[in-house]
N, C-alpha and C. Protein backbone atom coordinates (compact mmCIF):
# COMPACT_ATOMS: atom_id res chain seq x y z
N GLU A 1 4.05 -68.65 193.42
CA GLU A 1 3.25 -67.45 193.61
C GLU A 1 2.02 -67.66 194.56
N ILE A 2 2.19 -66.85 195.50
CA ILE A 2 1.41 -66.61 196.52
C ILE A 2 0.54 -65.40 196.65
N GLY A 3 0.66 -64.72 195.96
CA GLY A 3 -0.02 -63.27 195.78
C GLY A 3 0.13 -62.24 196.48
N ILE A 4 1.64 -62.22 196.94
CA ILE A 4 1.93 -61.05 197.63
C ILE A 4 2.62 -59.92 196.67
N PRO A 5 2.25 -58.86 196.81
CA PRO A 5 2.63 -57.76 195.85
C PRO A 5 4.35 -57.67 196.10
N THR A 6 5.19 -57.64 195.11
CA THR A 6 6.63 -57.46 195.36
C THR A 6 6.89 -56.24 194.48
N VAL A 7 6.31 -55.50 193.73
CA VAL A 7 6.71 -54.07 193.26
C VAL A 7 7.50 -53.20 194.23
N GLN A 8 7.04 -53.00 195.21
CA GLN A 8 7.92 -51.99 195.98
C GLN A 8 9.16 -52.49 196.96
N THR A 9 9.25 -54.17 196.94
CA THR A 9 10.37 -54.49 197.48
C THR A 9 11.46 -54.48 196.48
N GLU A 10 11.17 -54.62 194.95
CA GLU A 10 11.95 -54.65 193.83
C GLU A 10 12.46 -53.20 193.72
N LEU A 11 11.49 -52.00 194.28
CA LEU A 11 12.00 -50.76 193.64
C LEU A 11 12.89 -50.23 194.76
N ASN A 12 12.76 -50.93 196.32
CA ASN A 12 13.58 -50.85 197.19
C ASN A 12 14.62 -51.13 196.95
N LEU A 13 14.65 -52.46 196.18
CA LEU A 13 15.83 -53.02 196.23
C LEU A 13 16.92 -52.49 194.87
N ALA A 14 16.11 -51.91 194.02
CA ALA A 14 16.76 -51.03 192.98
C ALA A 14 17.44 -49.90 193.51
N ASP A 15 16.87 -49.20 194.33
CA ASP A 15 17.38 -47.91 195.02
C ASP A 15 18.63 -48.72 195.90
N LEU A 16 18.57 -49.59 196.59
CA LEU A 16 19.84 -50.00 197.09
C LEU A 16 21.06 -50.08 196.21
N TYR A 17 20.43 -50.88 194.96
CA TYR A 17 21.69 -50.92 194.05
C TYR A 17 22.07 -49.62 193.24
N LEU A 18 21.14 -48.95 193.38
CA LEU A 18 21.91 -47.50 193.05
C LEU A 18 22.76 -46.86 193.32
N ALA A 19 22.33 -46.68 194.91
CA ALA A 19 23.26 -46.13 195.99
C ALA A 19 24.23 -46.96 196.08
N GLN A 20 24.74 -48.55 195.44
CA GLN A 20 25.72 -48.92 195.73
C GLN A 20 26.73 -48.78 194.57
N GLY A 21 25.93 -48.51 193.32
CA GLY A 21 26.61 -48.33 192.02
C GLY A 21 26.54 -49.39 191.16
N LYS A 22 25.80 -50.35 192.02
CA LYS A 22 25.63 -51.65 190.98
C LYS A 22 24.46 -51.39 190.00
N PHE A 23 24.94 -51.05 188.96
CA PHE A 23 23.92 -50.46 188.05
C PHE A 23 23.28 -51.64 186.91
N GLU A 24 24.13 -52.46 186.77
CA GLU A 24 23.47 -53.42 185.96
C GLU A 24 22.36 -54.54 186.67
N GLU A 25 22.35 -54.55 188.05
CA GLU A 25 21.47 -55.13 188.88
C GLU A 25 19.97 -54.23 188.53
N ALA A 26 20.49 -52.91 189.01
CA ALA A 26 19.44 -51.90 189.00
C ALA A 26 18.51 -51.69 187.68
N GLN A 27 19.44 -51.80 186.32
CA GLN A 27 18.88 -51.58 185.01
C GLN A 27 17.83 -52.86 184.84
N ARG A 28 17.88 -53.97 185.73
CA ARG A 28 17.31 -54.98 185.07
C ARG A 28 15.65 -54.82 186.01
N ILE A 29 15.63 -54.06 187.11
CA ILE A 29 14.44 -53.99 187.48
C ILE A 29 13.63 -52.53 186.94
N VAL A 30 14.59 -51.44 187.22
CA VAL A 30 14.14 -50.41 186.76
C VAL A 30 13.41 -50.17 185.25
N LYS A 31 13.82 -51.21 184.60
CA LYS A 31 13.52 -51.03 182.90
C LYS A 31 12.13 -51.33 182.79
N THR A 32 11.46 -51.87 183.69
CA THR A 32 9.86 -52.40 183.59
C THR A 32 9.23 -51.08 184.75
N GLN A 33 9.86 -50.43 185.09
CA GLN A 33 9.29 -49.36 186.12
C GLN A 33 8.98 -48.37 185.57
N THR A 34 8.55 -47.40 186.62
CA THR A 34 8.00 -45.88 186.13
C THR A 34 8.91 -44.95 185.49
N PRO A 35 8.81 -43.78 184.74
CA PRO A 35 10.12 -43.15 184.12
C PRO A 35 10.95 -42.70 185.28
N PHE A 36 10.29 -42.38 186.79
CA PHE A 36 11.01 -41.77 187.58
C PHE A 36 12.22 -42.62 187.81
N TYR A 37 11.85 -43.79 188.08
CA TYR A 37 12.55 -44.85 188.55
C TYR A 37 13.98 -45.08 187.41
N GLN A 38 13.35 -45.07 186.04
CA GLN A 38 14.43 -44.80 184.89
C GLN A 38 15.33 -43.75 185.01
N GLY A 39 14.73 -42.30 185.28
CA GLY A 39 15.73 -41.30 185.58
C GLY A 39 16.51 -41.12 186.83
N ARG A 40 16.15 -42.03 188.20
CA ARG A 40 16.88 -42.31 188.87
C ARG A 40 18.32 -42.86 188.34
N TYR A 41 17.79 -44.15 187.62
CA TYR A 41 19.00 -45.03 187.19
C TYR A 41 19.86 -44.20 186.20
N HIS A 42 19.35 -43.57 185.39
CA HIS A 42 20.11 -42.48 184.30
C HIS A 42 21.45 -41.56 185.08
N LEU A 43 20.38 -40.59 186.09
CA LEU A 43 21.27 -39.98 186.73
C LEU A 43 22.30 -40.50 187.46
N GLY A 44 21.94 -41.68 188.10
CA GLY A 44 23.33 -42.46 188.58
C GLY A 44 24.20 -42.77 187.43
N ARG A 45 23.99 -43.40 186.40
CA ARG A 45 24.68 -43.67 185.54
C ARG A 45 25.61 -42.39 184.80
N GLN A 46 25.39 -41.22 185.12
CA GLN A 46 25.40 -39.91 184.37
C GLN A 46 24.96 -39.87 183.10
N GLN A 47 24.13 -40.55 183.06
CA GLN A 47 23.68 -40.30 181.32
C GLN A 47 22.13 -39.24 181.45
N TYR A 48 22.81 -38.09 181.43
CA TYR A 48 22.14 -36.92 181.94
C TYR A 48 20.90 -36.61 180.68
N GLY A 49 21.06 -36.61 179.26
CA GLY A 49 19.81 -36.06 178.77
C GLY A 49 18.97 -37.25 178.84
N LYS A 50 19.27 -38.57 179.03
CA LYS A 50 18.39 -39.62 178.96
C LYS A 50 17.33 -39.39 180.18
N GLY A 51 18.53 -39.13 181.32
CA GLY A 51 17.53 -38.86 182.79
C GLY A 51 16.80 -37.90 182.62
N LYS A 52 16.91 -36.68 181.77
CA LYS A 52 16.16 -35.47 181.79
C LYS A 52 15.02 -35.91 181.13
N ALA A 53 15.16 -36.82 180.25
CA ALA A 53 13.78 -37.53 179.36
C ALA A 53 12.67 -38.14 180.23
N SER A 54 13.51 -38.66 181.11
CA SER A 54 12.63 -39.64 182.01
C SER A 54 11.87 -38.78 183.04
N PHE A 55 12.82 -37.66 183.71
CA PHE A 55 11.99 -37.34 184.81
C PHE A 55 11.05 -36.17 184.06
N VAL A 56 11.15 -35.88 182.84
CA VAL A 56 9.95 -34.78 182.23
C VAL A 56 8.81 -35.67 181.76
N GLU A 57 9.22 -36.97 181.20
CA GLU A 57 8.09 -37.74 181.28
C GLU A 57 7.27 -38.65 182.64
N ALA A 58 7.88 -38.39 183.54
CA ALA A 58 7.34 -38.80 185.09
C ALA A 58 6.56 -37.33 185.71
N LEU A 59 7.20 -36.26 184.95
CA LEU A 59 6.48 -34.83 185.53
C LEU A 59 4.98 -34.83 184.65
N ALA A 60 4.89 -35.34 183.44
CA ALA A 60 4.01 -34.91 182.77
C ALA A 60 3.00 -36.06 183.24
N LEU A 61 3.25 -37.36 183.55
CA LEU A 61 2.24 -37.93 184.14
C LEU A 61 1.91 -37.96 185.62
N LEU A 62 2.45 -37.07 186.28
CA LEU A 62 2.10 -36.69 187.55
C LEU A 62 1.24 -35.48 187.36
N GLU A 63 1.44 -34.38 186.40
CA GLU A 63 0.81 -33.27 186.16
C GLU A 63 -0.47 -33.55 185.70
N ASN A 64 -0.65 -34.99 184.79
CA ASN A 64 -2.15 -34.96 184.41
C ASN A 64 -2.98 -36.01 185.36
N SER A 65 -2.22 -36.47 186.57
CA SER A 65 -2.75 -37.26 187.25
C SER A 65 -3.91 -36.36 188.12
N GLN A 66 -4.96 -37.20 188.63
CA GLN A 66 -5.91 -36.24 189.47
C GLN A 66 -5.25 -36.29 190.69
N HIS A 67 -4.18 -37.08 191.47
CA HIS A 67 -3.93 -36.90 192.85
C HIS A 67 -2.62 -36.97 192.71
N LYS A 68 -2.07 -35.65 192.71
CA LYS A 68 -0.64 -35.51 192.97
C LYS A 68 -0.10 -35.71 194.07
N ASN A 69 1.10 -36.61 194.15
CA ASN A 69 1.73 -36.84 195.19
C ASN A 69 2.97 -36.24 195.34
N VAL A 70 2.86 -35.07 196.61
CA VAL A 70 4.03 -34.01 196.50
C VAL A 70 5.54 -34.70 197.02
N ASP A 71 5.17 -35.88 197.56
CA ASP A 71 6.68 -36.60 197.77
C ASP A 71 7.40 -36.95 196.28
N THR A 72 6.30 -37.49 195.59
CA THR A 72 6.88 -37.47 194.06
C THR A 72 7.31 -36.46 193.37
N LEU A 73 6.62 -35.58 193.78
CA LEU A 73 6.89 -34.09 192.76
C LEU A 73 8.59 -33.52 193.23
N PHE A 74 8.41 -33.70 194.68
CA PHE A 74 9.91 -33.06 195.06
C PHE A 74 10.83 -34.24 194.62
N LEU A 75 10.62 -35.17 194.44
CA LEU A 75 11.94 -36.23 193.79
C LEU A 75 11.94 -36.14 191.94
N VAL A 76 11.03 -35.80 191.62
CA VAL A 76 11.05 -35.59 190.12
C VAL A 76 11.63 -34.14 189.67
N TYR A 77 10.98 -32.87 190.46
CA TYR A 77 11.65 -31.80 190.28
C TYR A 77 13.23 -31.79 190.63
N THR A 78 13.72 -32.54 191.80
CA THR A 78 15.21 -32.49 192.13
C THR A 78 15.86 -33.18 190.91
N GLY A 79 15.39 -34.17 190.83
CA GLY A 79 15.94 -35.19 189.86
C GLY A 79 16.32 -34.43 188.20
N LEU A 80 14.96 -33.84 187.65
CA LEU A 80 15.29 -32.70 186.85
C LEU A 80 16.30 -31.67 186.92
N ALA A 81 16.27 -31.11 188.11
CA ALA A 81 16.96 -29.97 188.26
C ALA A 81 18.60 -30.68 188.34
N LEU A 82 18.93 -31.94 189.06
CA LEU A 82 20.11 -32.33 188.96
C LEU A 82 20.58 -32.54 187.40
N CYS A 83 19.76 -33.09 186.51
CA CYS A 83 20.26 -33.48 185.17
C CYS A 83 20.88 -32.05 184.37
N CYS A 84 19.85 -31.14 184.78
CA CYS A 84 20.08 -29.76 184.05
C CYS A 84 20.93 -28.87 184.32
N GLU A 85 21.54 -29.49 185.79
CA GLU A 85 22.54 -28.75 186.25
C GLU A 85 23.92 -29.22 185.73
N MET A 86 23.86 -30.72 185.19
CA MET A 86 25.22 -31.34 184.81
C MET A 86 25.10 -30.94 183.40
N GLN A 87 23.88 -30.62 182.66
CA GLN A 87 23.96 -30.34 181.41
C GLN A 87 24.26 -28.83 181.06
N LYS A 88 24.67 -28.04 182.29
CA LYS A 88 24.95 -26.96 182.18
C LYS A 88 23.53 -25.92 181.53
N GLU A 89 22.80 -26.30 181.82
CA GLU A 89 21.37 -25.90 181.69
C GLU A 89 20.70 -25.07 183.11
N TYR A 90 21.54 -24.12 183.15
CA TYR A 90 21.58 -23.48 184.76
C TYR A 90 20.01 -22.56 185.20
N GLU A 91 19.41 -21.73 183.98
CA GLU A 91 18.53 -20.98 184.30
C GLU A 91 17.29 -22.15 184.40
N LEU A 92 17.38 -23.39 183.77
CA LEU A 92 16.24 -24.56 183.77
C LEU A 92 16.48 -25.07 185.08
N ALA A 93 18.07 -25.48 185.39
CA ALA A 93 17.94 -25.95 186.62
C ALA A 93 17.23 -25.14 187.91
N GLY A 94 17.58 -23.73 187.70
CA GLY A 94 17.08 -23.06 188.89
C GLY A 94 15.70 -23.10 188.90
N LYS A 95 14.88 -23.25 187.96
CA LYS A 95 13.65 -23.46 187.83
C LYS A 95 13.12 -24.33 188.67
N TYR A 96 13.97 -25.85 188.28
CA TYR A 96 13.41 -26.84 188.91
C TYR A 96 13.64 -26.75 190.22
N TYR A 97 14.81 -26.48 190.88
CA TYR A 97 15.14 -26.45 192.14
C TYR A 97 14.53 -25.76 192.90
N ARG A 98 14.00 -24.08 192.19
CA ARG A 98 12.91 -23.63 193.13
C ARG A 98 11.63 -24.29 193.38
N GLN A 99 11.17 -25.00 192.27
CA GLN A 99 9.90 -25.82 192.37
C GLN A 99 10.26 -27.04 193.46
N SER A 100 11.25 -27.31 193.39
CA SER A 100 11.35 -28.51 194.40
C SER A 100 11.60 -28.13 195.91
N PHE A 101 12.23 -26.68 195.83
CA PHE A 101 12.15 -25.80 197.38
C PHE A 101 10.75 -25.87 197.97
N GLU A 102 9.93 -25.14 196.83
CA GLU A 102 8.61 -24.82 197.29
C GLU A 102 7.57 -26.13 197.69
N ILE A 103 7.71 -27.17 197.24
CA ILE A 103 7.31 -28.56 197.31
C ILE A 103 7.74 -28.76 198.66
N LEU A 104 9.37 -28.70 198.84
CA LEU A 104 9.72 -29.10 200.26
C LEU A 104 9.30 -28.51 200.93
N GLU A 105 8.86 -27.03 201.25
CA GLU A 105 8.20 -26.18 202.38
C GLU A 105 6.83 -26.71 202.69
N LYS A 106 6.12 -27.24 201.59
CA LYS A 106 4.90 -27.57 201.92
C LYS A 106 5.11 -28.80 202.45
N MET A 107 5.68 -29.75 202.28
CA MET A 107 5.60 -31.22 202.87
C MET A 107 6.20 -30.72 204.45
N ARG A 108 7.19 -29.84 204.78
CA ARG A 108 7.76 -29.38 206.18
C ARG A 108 6.28 -28.84 206.83
N MET A 109 5.76 -28.10 206.35
CA MET A 109 4.44 -27.43 206.81
C MET A 109 3.75 -28.21 207.57
N ARG A 110 3.27 -29.39 206.87
CA ARG A 110 2.52 -30.23 207.26
C ARG A 110 2.59 -31.53 208.36
N LEU A 111 3.94 -31.57 208.84
CA LEU A 111 4.56 -32.20 209.76
C LEU A 111 4.55 -31.58 211.01
N SER A 112 4.37 -32.95 212.37
CA SER A 112 4.38 -32.28 213.77
C SER A 112 5.49 -31.55 214.02
N GLN A 113 5.57 -30.85 215.50
CA GLN A 113 6.85 -30.35 215.83
C GLN A 113 7.75 -31.59 215.66
N SER A 114 7.53 -32.80 216.43
CA SER A 114 8.50 -33.77 216.69
C SER A 114 9.01 -34.01 215.46
N GLN A 115 8.46 -34.12 214.04
CA GLN A 115 8.55 -34.68 212.62
C GLN A 115 9.67 -33.79 212.26
N LYS A 116 9.31 -32.56 212.45
CA LYS A 116 9.95 -31.52 211.98
C LYS A 116 11.72 -31.48 212.29
N LEU A 117 11.93 -31.89 213.75
CA LEU A 117 13.00 -31.89 214.09
C LEU A 117 14.41 -32.18 213.31
N HIS A 118 14.28 -33.34 212.19
CA HIS A 118 15.44 -33.99 211.70
C HIS A 118 15.25 -33.76 210.00
N PHE A 119 13.92 -32.98 209.86
CA PHE A 119 13.63 -33.49 208.58
C PHE A 119 14.73 -33.12 207.46
N PHE A 120 15.20 -31.91 207.60
CA PHE A 120 16.42 -31.55 206.67
C PHE A 120 17.41 -32.36 206.66
N SER A 121 17.74 -33.45 207.56
CA SER A 121 18.76 -34.42 207.31
C SER A 121 18.33 -35.54 206.67
N GLY A 122 17.00 -35.54 206.59
CA GLY A 122 16.42 -36.55 205.76
C GLY A 122 16.88 -36.74 204.14
N LYS A 123 16.44 -37.99 203.90
CA LYS A 123 16.65 -38.33 202.27
C LYS A 123 15.36 -39.17 201.77
N GLN A 124 14.95 -38.73 200.58
CA GLN A 124 14.19 -39.68 200.13
C GLN A 124 14.61 -40.32 198.71
N LEU A 125 14.54 -41.49 198.75
CA LEU A 125 15.16 -42.19 197.66
C LEU A 125 16.31 -41.63 196.89
N GLY A 126 17.36 -41.38 197.68
CA GLY A 126 18.67 -41.08 197.70
C GLY A 126 18.90 -39.33 197.42
N PHE A 127 17.49 -38.83 197.48
CA PHE A 127 17.89 -37.15 197.31
C PHE A 127 17.68 -36.57 198.99
N SER A 128 18.48 -35.70 199.17
CA SER A 128 18.60 -35.08 200.29
C SER A 128 17.44 -34.18 200.53
N HIS A 129 16.88 -33.59 201.63
CA HIS A 129 15.91 -32.55 201.62
C HIS A 129 17.16 -31.30 201.30
N LEU A 130 17.98 -31.53 201.49
CA LEU A 130 19.07 -29.85 201.30
C LEU A 130 19.29 -29.83 199.92
N ALA A 131 18.76 -31.00 199.06
CA ALA A 131 19.38 -30.67 197.52
C ALA A 131 18.83 -29.47 196.76
N PRO A 132 17.97 -29.23 196.84
CA PRO A 132 17.12 -27.78 196.07
C PRO A 132 18.26 -26.59 196.77
N PHE A 133 18.56 -26.83 198.01
CA PHE A 133 19.10 -25.26 198.54
C PHE A 133 20.58 -25.47 197.82
N GLU A 134 21.09 -26.72 198.12
CA GLU A 134 22.42 -26.50 197.85
C GLU A 134 22.66 -26.77 196.25
N GLY A 135 21.97 -27.08 195.60
CA GLY A 135 21.89 -26.86 194.41
C GLY A 135 21.72 -25.63 193.63
N LEU A 136 20.88 -24.65 194.09
CA LEU A 136 20.73 -23.23 193.87
C LEU A 136 21.96 -22.81 194.54
N ALA A 137 22.85 -22.67 195.34
CA ALA A 137 23.89 -22.15 195.90
C ALA A 137 24.91 -22.71 194.60
N ARG A 138 24.97 -23.91 194.26
CA ARG A 138 26.06 -24.14 193.24
C ARG A 138 25.89 -23.45 192.04
N ILE A 139 24.64 -23.24 191.58
CA ILE A 139 24.38 -22.77 190.15
C ILE A 139 23.99 -20.96 190.02
N ALA A 140 23.70 -20.46 191.13
CA ALA A 140 23.20 -19.34 191.23
C ALA A 140 24.29 -18.32 190.61
N SER A 141 25.64 -18.55 190.61
CA SER A 141 26.60 -17.66 189.86
C SER A 141 26.54 -17.75 188.49
N GLU A 142 26.06 -18.78 188.10
CA GLU A 142 25.86 -19.19 186.90
C GLU A 142 24.61 -18.43 185.99
N THR A 143 23.62 -17.96 186.72
CA THR A 143 22.39 -17.27 186.33
C THR A 143 22.07 -15.84 186.72
N LYS A 144 21.02 -15.37 186.56
CA LYS A 144 21.29 -14.12 186.63
C LYS A 144 21.12 -13.30 187.80
N GLU A 145 21.24 -14.48 188.90
CA GLU A 145 20.97 -14.10 190.03
C GLU A 145 22.65 -13.60 191.02
N GLY A 146 23.45 -14.32 189.81
CA GLY A 146 24.70 -14.06 189.96
C GLY A 146 25.68 -14.52 191.44
N VAL A 147 26.89 -14.00 191.86
CA VAL A 147 27.54 -14.34 193.19
C VAL A 147 26.56 -13.89 194.25
N ARG A 148 25.67 -12.85 194.21
CA ARG A 148 25.21 -12.54 195.87
C ARG A 148 23.95 -13.46 195.56
N GLY A 149 23.48 -14.32 194.60
CA GLY A 149 22.48 -15.21 194.87
C GLY A 149 23.10 -16.35 195.51
N SER A 150 24.05 -16.78 194.90
CA SER A 150 24.96 -18.19 195.45
C SER A 150 24.97 -17.85 196.84
N LEU A 151 25.59 -16.62 197.40
CA LEU A 151 26.02 -16.36 198.66
C LEU A 151 24.79 -16.41 199.32
N TYR A 152 23.19 -15.93 199.18
CA TYR A 152 22.30 -15.96 199.74
C TYR A 152 21.72 -17.33 199.71
N TYR A 153 21.76 -18.36 198.78
CA TYR A 153 21.37 -19.71 199.02
C TYR A 153 22.29 -20.19 199.81
N ALA A 154 23.72 -20.22 200.06
CA ALA A 154 24.66 -20.53 201.03
C ALA A 154 24.10 -20.59 202.14
N GLU A 155 23.86 -19.40 202.59
CA GLU A 155 23.53 -18.59 203.93
C GLU A 155 21.98 -19.35 204.25
N PHE A 156 21.21 -19.60 203.28
CA PHE A 156 20.10 -20.17 203.49
C PHE A 156 20.07 -21.34 203.78
N THR A 157 20.98 -22.40 203.31
CA THR A 157 21.30 -23.49 203.34
C THR A 157 21.83 -23.64 205.18
N ARG A 158 22.59 -22.72 205.40
CA ARG A 158 23.25 -22.84 206.84
C ARG A 158 22.30 -22.50 207.75
N SER A 159 21.51 -21.59 207.69
CA SER A 159 20.09 -21.24 208.49
C SER A 159 19.34 -22.17 208.62
N ARG A 160 19.23 -23.24 207.58
CA ARG A 160 18.18 -24.19 207.91
C ARG A 160 18.94 -25.45 208.79
N LEU A 161 20.53 -25.61 208.30
CA LEU A 161 21.02 -26.80 209.05
C LEU A 161 20.51 -26.22 210.90
N PHE A 162 21.33 -24.61 211.13
CA PHE A 162 21.29 -24.05 212.29
C PHE A 162 19.71 -24.34 212.64
N LEU A 163 18.66 -23.90 212.17
CA LEU A 163 17.48 -24.15 212.59
C LEU A 163 17.24 -25.60 213.44
N GLU A 164 17.40 -26.55 212.28
CA GLU A 164 17.20 -27.93 212.82
C GLU A 164 18.13 -28.36 214.22
N ALA A 165 19.51 -27.83 213.97
CA ALA A 165 20.06 -28.16 215.24
C ALA A 165 19.40 -27.44 216.45
N THR A 166 19.12 -26.55 216.52
CA THR A 166 18.43 -25.59 217.57
C THR A 166 17.04 -26.26 218.20
N ALA A 167 16.53 -26.78 216.89
CA ALA A 167 14.95 -27.32 217.39
C ALA A 167 15.43 -28.78 217.95
N GLN A 168 16.49 -29.30 217.79
CA GLN A 168 16.93 -30.61 218.36
C GLN A 168 17.04 -30.61 219.77
N ARG A 169 17.33 -29.25 220.22
CA ARG A 169 17.38 -28.98 221.62
C ARG A 169 16.23 -28.78 222.43
N TYR A 170 14.99 -28.84 221.74
CA TYR A 170 13.82 -28.28 222.03
C TYR A 170 13.26 -29.20 223.42
N GLY A 171 12.93 -28.45 224.74
CA GLY A 171 13.04 -29.57 225.73
C GLY A 171 13.69 -29.44 226.66
N ASP A 172 15.19 -29.40 226.19
CA ASP A 172 16.52 -29.07 226.86
C ASP A 172 16.25 -28.38 228.32
N PRO A 173 16.16 -29.00 229.52
CA PRO A 173 16.35 -28.49 230.57
C PRO A 173 16.88 -26.97 230.51
N GLN A 174 18.09 -26.66 229.87
CA GLN A 174 18.84 -25.26 229.88
C GLN A 174 18.53 -24.86 228.63
N THR A 175 17.64 -25.03 227.67
CA THR A 175 17.10 -24.26 226.76
C THR A 175 15.53 -23.73 226.54
N ARG A 176 14.90 -24.72 227.54
CA ARG A 176 13.41 -24.60 227.23
C ARG A 176 12.67 -23.40 227.40
N ILE A 177 11.96 -23.24 226.84
CA ILE A 177 10.89 -22.41 226.51
C ILE A 177 9.71 -21.97 227.77
N SER A 178 8.97 -21.36 227.72
CA SER A 178 8.31 -21.48 229.03
C SER A 178 6.80 -22.34 228.11
N GLY A 179 6.26 -22.84 229.23
CA GLY A 179 5.21 -23.60 228.56
C GLY A 179 3.98 -23.15 227.74
N ASP A 180 3.81 -21.73 228.26
CA ASP A 180 2.79 -20.68 227.57
C ASP A 180 3.05 -20.78 225.97
N LEU A 181 4.38 -20.44 226.20
CA LEU A 181 4.98 -19.89 224.72
C LEU A 181 4.92 -21.23 223.81
N ALA A 182 5.32 -22.33 224.50
CA ALA A 182 5.33 -23.64 223.52
C ALA A 182 4.24 -24.09 223.20
N MET A 183 2.95 -23.76 223.88
CA MET A 183 1.55 -24.16 223.55
C MET A 183 1.00 -23.01 222.29
N ARG A 184 1.55 -22.09 222.41
CA ARG A 184 1.24 -21.09 221.45
C ARG A 184 1.90 -21.31 220.00
N GLU A 185 3.19 -21.70 220.18
CA GLU A 185 3.84 -22.27 219.04
C GLU A 185 3.29 -23.37 218.44
N ILE A 186 2.71 -24.67 219.18
CA ILE A 186 2.04 -25.50 218.80
C ILE A 186 0.69 -25.22 218.28
N SER A 187 0.00 -24.25 218.88
CA SER A 187 -1.30 -23.86 218.27
C SER A 187 -0.90 -23.07 216.78
N ILE A 188 -0.25 -22.37 216.70
CA ILE A 188 0.16 -21.22 215.66
C ILE A 188 0.19 -22.73 214.34
N SER A 189 1.03 -23.57 214.71
CA SER A 189 1.82 -24.71 213.85
C SER A 189 0.40 -25.48 213.25
N ASN A 190 -0.31 -25.77 214.48
CA ASN A 190 -1.54 -26.69 213.92
C ASN A 190 -2.45 -25.91 213.19
N LYS A 191 -2.35 -24.49 212.96
CA LYS A 191 -3.44 -23.29 212.62
C LYS A 191 -2.90 -23.35 210.88
N ILE A 192 -1.55 -23.36 210.65
CA ILE A 192 -1.12 -23.13 209.75
C ILE A 192 -1.05 -24.59 208.81
N GLN A 193 -1.03 -25.80 209.41
CA GLN A 193 -1.38 -26.90 208.61
C GLN A 193 -2.75 -27.26 208.04
N ALA A 194 -3.45 -26.62 209.38
CA ALA A 194 -5.15 -27.18 208.98
C ALA A 194 -5.46 -26.22 207.76
N THR A 195 -4.80 -24.73 207.49
CA THR A 195 -5.34 -23.69 206.34
C THR A 195 -4.39 -24.43 205.37
N GLU A 196 -3.28 -24.66 205.37
CA GLU A 196 -2.53 -25.73 204.10
C GLU A 196 -3.46 -26.68 203.39
N LYS A 197 -4.41 -27.38 204.32
CA LYS A 197 -5.15 -28.49 203.64
C LYS A 197 -6.37 -28.01 203.39
N GLU A 198 -6.85 -26.78 203.75
CA GLU A 198 -8.13 -26.29 203.18
C GLU A 198 -7.96 -25.42 201.85
N LEU A 199 -6.81 -24.88 201.81
CA LEU A 199 -6.39 -24.41 200.45
C LEU A 199 -6.15 -25.30 199.00
N GLU A 200 -5.84 -26.91 199.46
CA GLU A 200 -5.59 -27.82 198.58
C GLU A 200 -6.72 -28.15 198.09
């Protein structure tokens, strides 16, 4: 024992095991960890009822916490939505996917222009940033939104991917916008981020 914290290292290892389908190894780590990680484990094992219960417990802990971490909220809502979808609780899944989507938008608004370039191609602990959009596209036809809602979310997802692909060309000499317009865009983005922080 040399006094170095190992919890985060163990959680990273558990996440790697989950991604590789090594559930026994992952289970040895997550059984003593937070409900969120237990939910991730059960989701990976396709134990959707247990996964849902763990994510609900994780959400309750977050809601009672003085400092709500938006990254963790995104993960918990997404996990809950996936479990509900797999249990064919489509209205409830839709509710959690939309909450995940709203959190995701807040996360993105806080980023700098350069950080936004690859945001939608990113993942957090196995959950893609596109998961809420793709989930809503899958389940909308089973809810009150119907096929029209499903098509809407599918197109919304495509537009997000197109936006990111276009953003990656930002600054290319062939597609570069004028310096004045670029500065105005950055100024507006900074004001939006500042306003978001003031409102919290």
